[in-house]
Structure formats: structure tokens, C-alpha cells
């Protein structure tokens, strides 16, 4: 295998030299183009394998995929759900993502009704993995995070218990794996 790497490097260097020479003269000459084509034809590449790279067996756990080239301007959506309940998309607040970002105040959040002590699970869309997370709450109607009370945090998965009965604005701050950035998501919980 090392021999293949050396061979490809030599071909690459030869091609780049020919292209550089062609670009610095009046234009590519037929002999320069012929040399490039000849070098490319003589390169040897490993044969493609028809063996599947990975296979999944029914019931096997799925590891989240970390996207290495996020294509959207915003991070993926996050949903919050309780066991047996429908997931509810959170309101996106401050974030860093895809060499950009946005800053926002504490947001009220998307309304969700839950029972006291129910286990809440946050899922990030598109299989983007989470390095770590933290969840905090303030009374609904609060416009900043002053006095926020911690609900949980740590490495993935993102799960925590619903707070005491009342109306709360909950922020879940996640740091995405692979250095993709971070995002704050908000829900307004009515806890009964």
C-alpha cells in the first residue's frame, strides 16, 4: 500500500508540474496535454470493492453520524419529547455553525405540556452528534437568563427530568461533536 501512495504522489507532482508549465506559457501545448493524459493513464488505482462498508442488523444501536461539511446556514432542528408523546421542535436561539452564527436574548420557547418529573429527551435532527449539553430554566416571561436554575447536563444523550409544576422557559445548550459549533434551543414548559 505505501508503494501506491508514492506512485500517486509522483503522478500528482508530474501533473501539477505540467499544468504549471502550461499555465505560465502562452497556453497548454499539445505535448503538455499529452504528457498529462499519459501520466493519468499510467497511474494505478485500487479496484473498487463490492463488499458493503457497514451492515446493520435489526435492533442494532445506531451511532449518530457527525456531518463534516454542514451545508445549511443554521444548525439542525432539535425536538423535545416525553415517553409516548409527540416531539416538539424547539425555538432556535444563539448559535455558531458553518463559520457563521447568531446571537439572541433568552427566548420564551415553543409551548409544551408535560407532567412533573417526566423524563424529557432532546433529539438533534440530521444525525448530528452532541459532545455535551446543559439545560436551565427560568420562570416563563423572563427575558434573560439571570437566576436560571440548572436542570441537567453532561455528555449525550440529552435527557433530564421536567421541573416542578409551573410555567417555565427552558434552554438546552448543546455543543456539537466534531467542532461543528453550538446552539441554544428553547421550550416553554407548562408542568402540571
N, C-alpha and C. Protein backbone atom coordinates (compact mmCIF):
# COMPACT_ATOMS: atom_id res chain seq x y z
N UNK A 1 0.81 -1.20 0.00
CA UNK A 1 0.00 0.00 0.00
C UNK A 1 0.86 1.27 0.00
N UNK A 2 1.98 1.34 0.75
CA UNK A 2 2.79 2.54 0.69
C UNK A 2 3.30 2.82 -0.71
N UNK A 3 3.58 1.76 -1.49
CA UNK A 3 4.06 1.93 -2.85
C UNK A 3 3.03 2.67 -3.70
N UNK A 4 1.75 2.35 -3.50
CA UNK A 4 0.68 3.01 -4.21
C UNK A 4 0.67 4.50 -3.89
N UNK A 5 0.83 4.86 -2.63
CA UNK A 5 0.83 6.26 -2.23
C UNK A 5 1.96 7.01 -2.88
N UNK A 6 3.14 6.41 -2.96
CA UNK A 6 4.28 7.05 -3.60
C UNK A 6 4.00 7.24 -5.08
N UNK A 7 3.43 6.24 -5.71
CA UNK A 7 3.12 6.30 -7.14
C UNK A 7 2.12 7.41 -7.42
N UNK A 8 1.07 7.49 -6.62
CA UNK A 8 0.08 8.53 -6.82
C UNK A 8 0.69 9.91 -6.59
N UNK A 9 1.57 10.04 -5.61
CA UNK A 9 2.21 11.31 -5.34
C UNK A 9 3.08 11.73 -6.52
N UNK A 10 3.80 10.80 -7.11
CA UNK A 10 4.64 11.10 -8.26
C UNK A 10 3.79 11.55 -9.44
N UNK A 11 2.70 10.86 -9.70
CA UNK A 11 1.81 11.24 -10.79
C UNK A 11 1.23 12.61 -10.53
N UNK A 12 0.81 12.85 -9.30
CA UNK A 12 0.23 14.14 -8.94
C UNK A 12 1.24 15.26 -9.16
N UNK A 13 2.46 15.06 -8.71
CA UNK A 13 3.51 16.08 -8.88
C UNK A 13 3.78 16.31 -10.35
N UNK A 14 3.87 15.24 -11.15
CA UNK A 14 4.10 15.37 -12.58
C UNK A 14 2.97 16.15 -13.24
N UNK A 15 1.73 15.82 -12.89
CA UNK A 15 0.58 16.53 -13.47
C UNK A 15 0.59 18.00 -13.09
N UNK A 16 0.87 18.30 -11.82
CA UNK A 16 0.91 19.69 -11.38
C UNK A 16 2.03 20.45 -12.07
N UNK A 17 3.18 19.82 -12.25
CA UNK A 17 4.29 20.46 -12.95
C UNK A 17 3.91 20.77 -14.38
N UNK A 18 3.26 19.82 -15.05
CA UNK A 18 2.84 20.03 -16.44
C UNK A 18 1.80 21.14 -16.53
N UNK A 19 0.86 21.16 -15.60
CA UNK A 19 -0.18 22.19 -15.61
C UNK A 19 0.44 23.56 -15.35
N UNK A 20 1.37 23.64 -14.38
CA UNK A 20 2.04 24.90 -14.07
C UNK A 20 2.80 25.40 -15.28
N UNK A 21 3.52 24.51 -15.95
CA UNK A 21 4.27 24.89 -17.15
C UNK A 21 3.31 25.38 -18.23
N UNK A 22 2.23 24.69 -18.42
CA UNK A 22 1.26 25.07 -19.44
C UNK A 22 0.64 26.43 -19.13
N UNK A 23 0.39 26.71 -17.86
CA UNK A 23 -0.25 27.96 -17.47
C UNK A 23 0.70 29.15 -17.56
N UNK A 24 1.99 28.93 -17.41
CA UNK A 24 2.94 30.05 -17.43
C UNK A 24 3.39 30.38 -18.84
N UNK A 25 3.08 29.55 -19.81
CA UNK A 25 3.39 29.86 -21.20
C UNK A 25 2.14 30.41 -21.85
N UNK A 26 2.16 30.57 -23.14
CA UNK A 26 1.02 31.16 -23.86
C UNK A 26 -0.23 30.32 -23.73
N UNK A 27 -0.10 29.10 -23.35
CA UNK A 27 -1.25 28.21 -23.21
C UNK A 27 -0.76 26.79 -23.26
N UNK A 28 -1.62 25.84 -22.96
CA UNK A 28 -1.18 24.46 -22.95
C UNK A 28 -0.84 24.00 -24.37
N UNK A 29 0.30 23.36 -24.48
CA UNK A 29 0.71 22.84 -25.78
C UNK A 29 0.17 21.43 -25.91
N UNK A 30 0.03 20.95 -27.16
CA UNK A 30 -0.45 19.58 -27.33
C UNK A 30 0.45 18.56 -26.63
N UNK A 31 1.77 18.81 -26.60
CA UNK A 31 2.66 17.85 -25.94
C UNK A 31 2.46 17.86 -24.43
N UNK A 32 2.18 19.04 -23.85
CA UNK A 32 1.94 19.11 -22.40
C UNK A 32 0.65 18.37 -22.06
N UNK A 33 -0.38 18.58 -22.85
CA UNK A 33 -1.64 17.89 -22.60
C UNK A 33 -1.48 16.39 -22.77
N UNK A 34 -0.70 15.98 -23.75
CA UNK A 34 -0.44 14.57 -23.96
C UNK A 34 0.30 13.95 -22.80
N UNK A 35 1.27 14.68 -22.22
CA UNK A 35 2.02 14.17 -21.06
C UNK A 35 1.11 14.00 -19.85
N UNK A 36 0.21 14.96 -19.65
CA UNK A 36 -0.72 14.87 -18.51
C UNK A 36 -1.63 13.66 -18.69
N UNK A 37 -2.18 13.50 -19.88
CA UNK A 37 -3.07 12.37 -20.14
C UNK A 37 -2.34 11.05 -19.99
N UNK A 38 -1.09 10.99 -20.48
CA UNK A 38 -0.30 9.77 -20.37
C UNK A 38 -0.02 9.42 -18.92
N UNK A 39 0.34 10.42 -18.11
CA UNK A 39 0.61 10.19 -16.69
C UNK A 39 -0.63 9.69 -15.97
N UNK A 40 -1.77 10.28 -16.30
CA UNK A 40 -3.01 9.87 -15.65
C UNK A 40 -3.38 8.43 -16.03
N UNK A 41 -3.16 8.06 -17.32
CA UNK A 41 -3.48 6.70 -17.75
C UNK A 41 -2.57 5.67 -17.11
N UNK A 42 -1.31 6.05 -16.84
CA UNK A 42 -0.36 5.08 -16.30
C UNK A 42 -0.51 4.90 -14.79
N UNK A 43 -1.26 5.76 -14.14
CA UNK A 43 -1.45 5.63 -12.69
C UNK A 43 -2.28 4.40 -12.40
N UNK A 44 -1.94 3.71 -11.32
CA UNK A 44 -2.72 2.54 -10.92
C UNK A 44 -3.50 2.88 -9.66
N UNK A 45 -4.75 2.51 -9.67
CA UNK A 45 -5.62 2.78 -8.54
C UNK A 45 -6.18 1.46 -8.04
N UNK A 46 -6.45 1.36 -6.74
CA UNK A 46 -7.01 0.11 -6.23
C UNK A 46 -8.40 -0.12 -6.81
N UNK A 47 -8.72 -1.37 -7.01
CA UNK A 47 -10.04 -1.73 -7.55
C UNK A 47 -11.11 -1.45 -6.51
N UNK A 48 -12.27 -1.03 -6.99
CA UNK A 48 -13.39 -0.77 -6.09
C UNK A 48 -13.90 -2.10 -5.54
N UNK A 49 -14.26 -2.08 -4.28
CA UNK A 49 -14.76 -3.28 -3.63
C UNK A 49 -16.28 -3.30 -3.70
N UNK A 50 -16.84 -4.45 -3.93
CA UNK A 50 -18.30 -4.59 -3.92
C UNK A 50 -18.80 -5.02 -2.55
N UNK A 51 -17.89 -5.15 -1.60
CA UNK A 51 -18.26 -5.54 -0.25
C UNK A 51 -18.84 -4.33 0.46
N UNK A 52 -20.01 -4.46 1.09
CA UNK A 52 -20.57 -3.31 1.80
C UNK A 52 -19.64 -2.87 2.91
N UNK A 53 -19.57 -1.55 3.11
CA UNK A 53 -18.71 -1.00 4.13
C UNK A 53 -19.25 -1.31 5.52
N UNK A 54 -20.54 -1.18 5.70
CA UNK A 54 -21.13 -1.47 7.01
C UNK A 54 -22.48 -2.11 6.78
N UNK A 55 -22.86 -2.96 7.68
CA UNK A 55 -24.19 -3.54 7.59
C UNK A 55 -24.88 -3.36 8.92
N UNK A 56 -26.17 -3.26 8.87
CA UNK A 56 -26.96 -3.08 10.09
C UNK A 56 -27.79 -4.31 10.31
N UNK A 57 -27.79 -4.76 11.53
CA UNK A 57 -28.66 -5.87 11.87
C UNK A 57 -29.87 -5.30 12.58
N UNK A 58 -31.03 -5.89 12.38
CA UNK A 58 -32.22 -5.38 13.04
C UNK A 58 -32.01 -5.29 14.55
N UNK A 59 -32.41 -4.17 15.11
CA UNK A 59 -32.30 -3.97 16.55
C UNK A 59 -30.94 -3.47 16.98
N UNK A 60 -29.98 -3.33 16.07
CA UNK A 60 -28.66 -2.83 16.45
C UNK A 60 -28.76 -1.35 16.77
N UNK A 61 -27.94 -0.91 17.71
CA UNK A 61 -27.99 0.50 18.07
C UNK A 61 -27.37 1.31 16.94
N UNK A 62 -27.90 2.50 16.77
CA UNK A 62 -27.41 3.38 15.72
C UNK A 62 -26.56 4.47 16.34
N UNK A 63 -25.37 4.65 15.82
CA UNK A 63 -24.49 5.70 16.28
C UNK A 63 -24.76 6.94 15.44
N UNK A 64 -24.96 8.11 16.08
CA UNK A 64 -25.22 9.30 15.29
C UNK A 64 -24.05 9.61 14.37
N UNK A 65 -24.38 10.08 13.19
CA UNK A 65 -23.36 10.45 12.21
C UNK A 65 -23.01 11.91 12.43
N UNK A 66 -21.73 12.23 12.40
CA UNK A 66 -21.30 13.60 12.54
C UNK A 66 -21.05 14.15 11.16
N UNK A 67 -21.82 15.14 10.78
CA UNK A 67 -21.62 15.76 9.48
C UNK A 67 -20.32 16.55 9.52
N UNK A 68 -19.48 16.38 8.51
CA UNK A 68 -18.22 17.11 8.48
C UNK A 68 -18.29 18.33 7.59
N UNK A 69 -19.34 18.47 6.83
CA UNK A 69 -19.47 19.64 5.97
C UNK A 69 -20.92 20.13 5.99
N UNK A 70 -21.29 20.83 7.08
CA UNK A 70 -22.67 21.30 7.18
C UNK A 70 -22.99 22.22 6.00
N UNK A 71 -24.12 21.98 5.37
CA UNK A 71 -24.45 22.75 4.18
C UNK A 71 -25.46 23.86 4.45
N UNK A 72 -26.12 23.85 5.58
CA UNK A 72 -27.11 24.88 5.85
C UNK A 72 -26.49 26.02 6.65
N UNK A 73 -27.19 27.14 6.63
CA UNK A 73 -26.71 28.32 7.35
C UNK A 73 -27.02 28.25 8.84
N UNK A 74 -27.92 27.36 9.22
CA UNK A 74 -28.31 27.22 10.63
C UNK A 74 -28.10 25.79 11.08
N UNK A 75 -27.90 25.59 12.38
CA UNK A 75 -27.77 24.22 12.89
C UNK A 75 -29.06 23.44 12.71
N UNK A 76 -28.99 22.12 12.85
CA UNK A 76 -30.19 21.31 12.68
C UNK A 76 -31.21 21.60 13.78
N UNK A 77 -32.45 21.26 13.49
CA UNK A 77 -33.53 21.44 14.47
C UNK A 77 -33.34 20.49 15.64
N UNK A 78 -33.92 20.85 16.77
CA UNK A 78 -33.92 19.99 17.95
C UNK A 78 -35.36 19.80 18.38
N UNK A 79 -35.70 18.57 18.77
CA UNK A 79 -37.04 18.31 19.26
C UNK A 79 -36.97 17.80 20.69
N UNK A 80 -38.01 18.10 21.45
CA UNK A 80 -38.13 17.65 22.84
C UNK A 80 -39.36 16.75 22.91
N UNK A 81 -39.23 15.64 23.60
CA UNK A 81 -40.35 14.71 23.73
C UNK A 81 -40.31 14.02 25.09
N UNK A 82 -41.48 13.59 25.54
CA UNK A 82 -41.59 12.73 26.71
C UNK A 82 -41.99 11.36 26.19
N UNK A 83 -41.75 10.33 26.97
CA UNK A 83 -42.09 8.98 26.52
C UNK A 83 -43.56 8.90 26.14
N UNK A 84 -43.80 8.45 24.92
CA UNK A 84 -45.16 8.30 24.43
C UNK A 84 -45.75 9.57 23.84
N UNK A 85 -45.02 10.68 23.92
CA UNK A 85 -45.53 11.95 23.39
C UNK A 85 -44.93 12.29 22.05
N UNK A 86 -45.57 13.21 21.36
CA UNK A 86 -45.06 13.68 20.07
C UNK A 86 -43.90 14.65 20.30
N UNK A 87 -42.85 14.58 19.48
CA UNK A 87 -41.73 15.53 19.62
C UNK A 87 -42.16 16.93 19.19
N UNK A 88 -41.63 17.92 19.89
CA UNK A 88 -41.94 19.32 19.61
C UNK A 88 -40.63 20.04 19.31
N UNK A 89 -40.57 20.70 18.13
CA UNK A 89 -39.37 21.42 17.73
C UNK A 89 -39.14 22.63 18.64
N UNK A 90 -37.89 22.81 19.03
CA UNK A 90 -37.53 23.94 19.87
C UNK A 90 -37.32 25.21 19.06
N UNK A 91 -37.34 26.34 19.76
CA UNK A 91 -37.08 27.63 19.15
C UNK A 91 -35.57 27.84 19.19
N UNK A 92 -34.95 28.09 18.03
CA UNK A 92 -33.51 28.27 17.94
C UNK A 92 -33.11 29.65 18.41
N UNK A 93 -32.15 29.68 19.33
CA UNK A 93 -31.62 30.95 19.84
C UNK A 93 -30.22 31.19 19.31
N UNK A 94 -29.32 31.61 20.18
CA UNK A 94 -27.93 31.87 19.78
C UNK A 94 -27.27 30.60 19.28
N UNK A 95 -26.42 30.75 18.25
CA UNK A 95 -25.70 29.58 17.74
C UNK A 95 -24.43 29.99 17.01
N UNK A 96 -23.52 29.04 16.87
CA UNK A 96 -22.38 29.13 15.96
C UNK A 96 -22.46 27.89 15.08
N UNK A 97 -22.30 28.08 13.76
CA UNK A 97 -22.50 26.97 12.83
C UNK A 97 -22.00 27.37 11.46
N UNK A 98 -21.30 26.47 10.78
CA UNK A 98 -20.89 26.66 9.40
C UNK A 98 -20.22 28.01 9.18
N UNK A 99 -19.26 28.31 10.05
CA UNK A 99 -18.49 29.56 10.01
C UNK A 99 -19.35 30.81 10.16
N UNK A 100 -20.52 30.67 10.73
CA UNK A 100 -21.39 31.81 10.98
C UNK A 100 -22.02 31.67 12.35
N UNK A 101 -22.96 32.53 12.63
CA UNK A 101 -23.64 32.44 13.91
C UNK A 101 -24.68 33.53 14.07
N UNK A 102 -25.34 33.49 15.19
CA UNK A 102 -26.36 34.47 15.52
C UNK A 102 -26.44 34.57 17.04
N UNK A 103 -26.72 35.75 17.51
CA UNK A 103 -26.84 35.97 18.94
C UNK A 103 -28.26 36.43 19.24
N UNK A 104 -28.86 35.86 20.26
CA UNK A 104 -30.22 36.26 20.60
C UNK A 104 -30.36 36.32 22.12
N UNK A 105 -31.38 37.04 22.59
CA UNK A 105 -31.65 37.04 24.03
C UNK A 105 -32.28 35.70 24.42
N UNK A 106 -32.56 35.54 25.69
CA UNK A 106 -33.29 34.36 26.16
C UNK A 106 -34.66 34.39 25.50
N UNK A 107 -35.07 33.28 24.89
CA UNK A 107 -36.34 33.23 24.17
C UNK A 107 -37.41 32.53 25.01
N UNK A 108 -38.69 32.83 24.76
CA UNK A 108 -39.75 32.19 25.54
C UNK A 108 -39.84 30.69 25.25
N UNK A 109 -39.66 30.27 23.99
CA UNK A 109 -39.68 28.86 23.64
C UNK A 109 -41.00 28.38 23.08
N UNK A 110 -40.94 27.22 22.47
CA UNK A 110 -42.11 26.57 21.89
C UNK A 110 -42.92 25.92 23.02
N UNK A 111 -44.25 26.15 23.08
CA UNK A 111 -45.06 25.60 24.17
C UNK A 111 -45.14 24.07 24.16
N UNK A 112 -45.00 23.49 25.36
CA UNK A 112 -45.10 22.04 25.56
C UNK A 112 -45.72 21.80 26.93
N UNK A 113 -46.68 20.87 27.00
CA UNK A 113 -47.27 20.47 28.28
C UNK A 113 -46.67 19.14 28.70
N UNK A 114 -46.18 19.08 29.96
CA UNK A 114 -45.58 17.84 30.48
C UNK A 114 -45.99 17.66 31.93
N UNK A 115 -45.75 16.47 32.43
CA UNK A 115 -46.02 16.18 33.83
C UNK A 115 -44.75 16.36 34.66
N UNK A 116 -44.92 16.75 35.93
CA UNK A 116 -43.77 16.94 36.82
C UNK A 116 -42.98 15.63 36.91
N UNK A 117 -41.69 15.74 36.81
CA UNK A 117 -40.80 14.59 36.95
C UNK A 117 -40.69 13.71 35.72
N UNK A 118 -41.46 13.99 34.64
CA UNK A 118 -41.32 13.18 33.41
C UNK A 118 -39.92 13.37 32.84
N UNK A 119 -39.42 12.31 32.20
CA UNK A 119 -38.11 12.39 31.57
C UNK A 119 -38.27 13.03 30.20
N UNK A 120 -37.54 14.12 29.99
CA UNK A 120 -37.57 14.84 28.72
C UNK A 120 -36.34 14.45 27.91
N UNK A 121 -36.53 14.20 26.62
CA UNK A 121 -35.43 13.81 25.74
C UNK A 121 -35.36 14.78 24.58
N UNK A 122 -34.18 15.33 24.34
CA UNK A 122 -33.96 16.23 23.21
C UNK A 122 -33.19 15.46 22.15
N UNK A 123 -33.68 15.52 20.90
CA UNK A 123 -33.04 14.86 19.77
C UNK A 123 -32.65 15.90 18.74
N UNK A 124 -31.43 15.80 18.25
CA UNK A 124 -30.94 16.71 17.21
C UNK A 124 -31.18 16.05 15.85
N UNK A 125 -31.73 16.80 14.92
CA UNK A 125 -32.05 16.29 13.58
C UNK A 125 -30.79 16.01 12.77
N UNK A 126 -30.96 15.31 11.68
CA UNK A 126 -29.91 15.02 10.71
C UNK A 126 -28.78 14.16 11.26
N UNK A 127 -29.00 13.49 12.39
CA UNK A 127 -27.99 12.61 12.94
C UNK A 127 -26.75 13.32 13.45
N UNK A 128 -26.82 14.63 13.68
CA UNK A 128 -25.67 15.38 14.18
C UNK A 128 -25.48 15.02 15.65
N UNK A 129 -24.28 14.58 16.00
CA UNK A 129 -23.99 14.13 17.36
C UNK A 129 -23.70 15.31 18.28
N UNK A 130 -23.93 15.09 19.56
CA UNK A 130 -23.72 16.10 20.60
C UNK A 130 -22.53 15.69 21.46
N UNK A 131 -21.60 16.63 21.67
CA UNK A 131 -20.47 16.40 22.58
C UNK A 131 -20.95 16.51 24.02
N UNK A 132 -21.56 17.65 24.33
CA UNK A 132 -22.10 17.85 25.68
C UNK A 132 -23.24 18.86 25.63
N UNK A 133 -23.95 18.96 26.75
CA UNK A 133 -25.14 19.79 26.80
C UNK A 133 -25.40 20.26 28.22
N UNK A 134 -26.24 21.30 28.33
CA UNK A 134 -26.72 21.74 29.64
C UNK A 134 -28.14 22.26 29.46
N UNK A 135 -28.96 22.09 30.48
CA UNK A 135 -30.35 22.57 30.45
C UNK A 135 -30.57 23.45 31.68
N UNK A 136 -31.25 24.59 31.46
CA UNK A 136 -31.57 25.52 32.55
C UNK A 136 -33.00 26.03 32.37
N UNK A 137 -33.58 26.52 33.44
CA UNK A 137 -34.93 27.06 33.37
C UNK A 137 -35.03 28.38 34.12
N UNK A 138 -35.95 29.20 33.64
CA UNK A 138 -36.33 30.44 34.33
C UNK A 138 -37.86 30.50 34.29
N UNK A 139 -38.49 31.30 35.15
CA UNK A 139 -39.94 31.44 35.07
C UNK A 139 -40.36 31.96 33.70
N UNK A 140 -41.45 31.44 33.15
CA UNK A 140 -41.95 31.91 31.85
C UNK A 140 -42.14 33.42 31.90
N UNK A 141 -41.83 34.08 30.80
CA UNK A 141 -41.95 35.53 30.73
C UNK A 141 -40.65 36.25 31.05
N UNK A 142 -39.65 35.53 31.57
CA UNK A 142 -38.35 36.14 31.85
C UNK A 142 -37.65 36.41 30.52
N UNK A 143 -37.02 37.58 30.41
CA UNK A 143 -36.38 37.94 29.14
C UNK A 143 -34.86 37.75 29.13
N UNK A 144 -34.33 37.25 30.22
CA UNK A 144 -32.90 36.96 30.24
C UNK A 144 -32.67 35.72 31.11
N UNK A 145 -31.45 35.26 31.17
CA UNK A 145 -31.16 34.05 31.91
C UNK A 145 -30.72 34.28 33.34
N UNK A 146 -30.89 35.50 33.84
CA UNK A 146 -30.48 35.80 35.21
C UNK A 146 -31.27 34.93 36.18
N UNK A 147 -30.56 34.25 37.06
CA UNK A 147 -31.19 33.40 38.05
C UNK A 147 -31.63 32.04 37.52
N UNK A 148 -31.16 31.67 36.33
CA UNK A 148 -31.55 30.37 35.75
C UNK A 148 -31.11 29.23 36.65
N UNK A 149 -31.96 28.22 36.75
CA UNK A 149 -31.71 27.04 37.58
C UNK A 149 -31.35 25.87 36.68
N UNK A 150 -30.27 25.20 37.03
CA UNK A 150 -29.78 24.07 36.23
C UNK A 150 -30.73 22.87 36.37
N UNK A 151 -31.04 22.25 35.21
CA UNK A 151 -31.88 21.05 35.19
C UNK A 151 -31.07 19.79 34.89
N UNK A 152 -29.90 19.95 34.30
CA UNK A 152 -29.07 18.81 33.97
C UNK A 152 -28.00 19.18 32.97
N UNK A 153 -27.13 18.22 32.67
CA UNK A 153 -26.08 18.45 31.70
C UNK A 153 -25.12 17.28 31.66
N UNK A 154 -24.24 17.29 30.68
CA UNK A 154 -23.24 16.24 30.54
C UNK A 154 -23.08 15.82 29.10
N UNK A 155 -22.51 14.63 28.89
CA UNK A 155 -22.38 14.13 27.52
C UNK A 155 -23.73 13.60 27.02
N UNK A 156 -23.80 13.32 25.71
CA UNK A 156 -25.02 12.77 25.13
C UNK A 156 -25.33 11.43 25.78
N UNK A 157 -26.58 11.04 25.86
CA UNK A 157 -27.78 11.63 25.28
C UNK A 157 -28.30 12.79 26.13
N UNK A 158 -29.14 13.62 25.50
CA UNK A 158 -29.70 14.79 26.18
C UNK A 158 -31.03 14.38 26.81
N UNK A 159 -31.00 14.06 28.10
CA UNK A 159 -32.22 13.71 28.84
C UNK A 159 -32.15 14.33 30.22
N UNK A 160 -33.30 14.82 30.70
CA UNK A 160 -33.37 15.40 32.04
C UNK A 160 -34.82 15.35 32.50
N UNK A 161 -35.01 15.51 33.79
CA UNK A 161 -36.36 15.46 34.37
C UNK A 161 -37.04 16.82 34.26
N UNK A 162 -38.34 16.80 34.02
CA UNK A 162 -39.12 18.04 33.99
C UNK A 162 -39.06 18.70 35.36
N UNK A 163 -39.05 20.02 35.40
CA UNK A 163 -39.01 20.72 36.69
C UNK A 163 -40.34 20.61 37.45
N UNK A 164 -40.40 21.27 38.58
CA UNK A 164 -41.60 21.29 39.42
C UNK A 164 -42.76 21.94 38.66
N UNK A 165 -44.00 21.68 39.12
CA UNK A 165 -45.16 22.29 38.45
C UNK A 165 -45.03 23.81 38.34
N UNK A 166 -45.48 24.33 37.20
CA UNK A 166 -45.41 25.76 36.93
C UNK A 166 -45.22 25.99 35.44
N UNK A 167 -44.93 27.22 35.09
CA UNK A 167 -44.68 27.58 33.69
C UNK A 167 -43.25 28.08 33.59
N UNK A 168 -42.44 27.38 32.78
CA UNK A 168 -41.00 27.62 32.71
C UNK A 168 -40.53 27.81 31.27
N UNK A 169 -39.57 28.68 31.10
CA UNK A 169 -38.85 28.79 29.84
C UNK A 169 -37.56 27.99 30.03
N UNK A 170 -37.38 26.96 29.20
CA UNK A 170 -36.24 26.05 29.34
C UNK A 170 -35.30 26.23 28.16
N UNK A 171 -34.02 26.40 28.48
CA UNK A 171 -32.97 26.49 27.47
C UNK A 171 -32.14 25.22 27.51
N UNK A 172 -31.92 24.61 26.34
CA UNK A 172 -31.00 23.49 26.23
C UNK A 172 -29.88 23.95 25.30
N UNK A 173 -28.68 24.03 25.84
CA UNK A 173 -27.50 24.46 25.10
C UNK A 173 -26.70 23.21 24.75
N UNK A 174 -26.46 23.00 23.45
CA UNK A 174 -25.69 21.82 23.02
C UNK A 174 -24.43 22.27 22.30
N UNK A 175 -23.36 21.49 22.51
CA UNK A 175 -22.12 21.67 21.76
C UNK A 175 -22.01 20.44 20.87
N UNK A 176 -22.00 20.66 19.56
CA UNK A 176 -21.99 19.57 18.60
C UNK A 176 -20.62 18.92 18.51
N UNK A 177 -20.61 17.61 18.27
CA UNK A 177 -19.37 16.85 18.11
C UNK A 177 -18.67 17.28 16.83
N UNK A 178 -17.38 17.04 16.77
CA UNK A 178 -16.61 17.34 15.57
C UNK A 178 -16.32 18.82 15.38
N UNK A 179 -16.51 19.63 16.42
CA UNK A 179 -16.23 21.06 16.31
C UNK A 179 -17.17 21.80 15.38
N UNK A 180 -18.40 21.29 15.20
CA UNK A 180 -19.34 21.92 14.29
C UNK A 180 -19.98 23.19 14.84
N UNK A 181 -19.86 23.42 16.13
CA UNK A 181 -20.43 24.62 16.73
C UNK A 181 -21.31 24.30 17.92
N UNK A 182 -22.20 25.23 18.24
CA UNK A 182 -23.11 25.06 19.38
C UNK A 182 -24.41 25.78 19.08
N UNK A 183 -25.44 25.46 19.85
CA UNK A 183 -26.74 26.11 19.66
C UNK A 183 -27.55 26.03 20.94
N UNK A 184 -28.37 27.06 21.15
CA UNK A 184 -29.32 27.10 22.26
C UNK A 184 -30.72 26.92 21.68
N UNK A 185 -31.48 26.00 22.29
CA UNK A 185 -32.86 25.74 21.87
C UNK A 185 -33.76 26.01 23.08
N UNK A 186 -34.98 26.50 22.82
CA UNK A 186 -35.89 26.89 23.90
C UNK A 186 -37.26 26.26 23.76
N UNK A 187 -37.83 25.89 24.92
CA UNK A 187 -39.21 25.40 25.02
C UNK A 187 -39.87 26.08 26.21
N UNK A 188 -41.16 26.39 26.10
CA UNK A 188 -41.91 26.90 27.24
C UNK A 188 -42.72 25.75 27.80
N UNK A 189 -42.28 25.24 28.95
CA UNK A 189 -42.93 24.10 29.56
C UNK A 189 -44.04 24.54 30.50
N UNK A 190 -45.20 23.95 30.32
CA UNK A 190 -46.25 24.05 31.32
C UNK A 190 -46.24 22.70 32.01
N UNK A 191 -45.78 22.71 33.26
CA UNK A 191 -45.63 21.46 34.02
C UNK A 191 -46.81 21.35 34.96
N UNK A 192 -47.53 20.22 34.89
CA UNK A 192 -48.71 20.02 35.73
C UNK A 192 -48.44 19.00 36.82
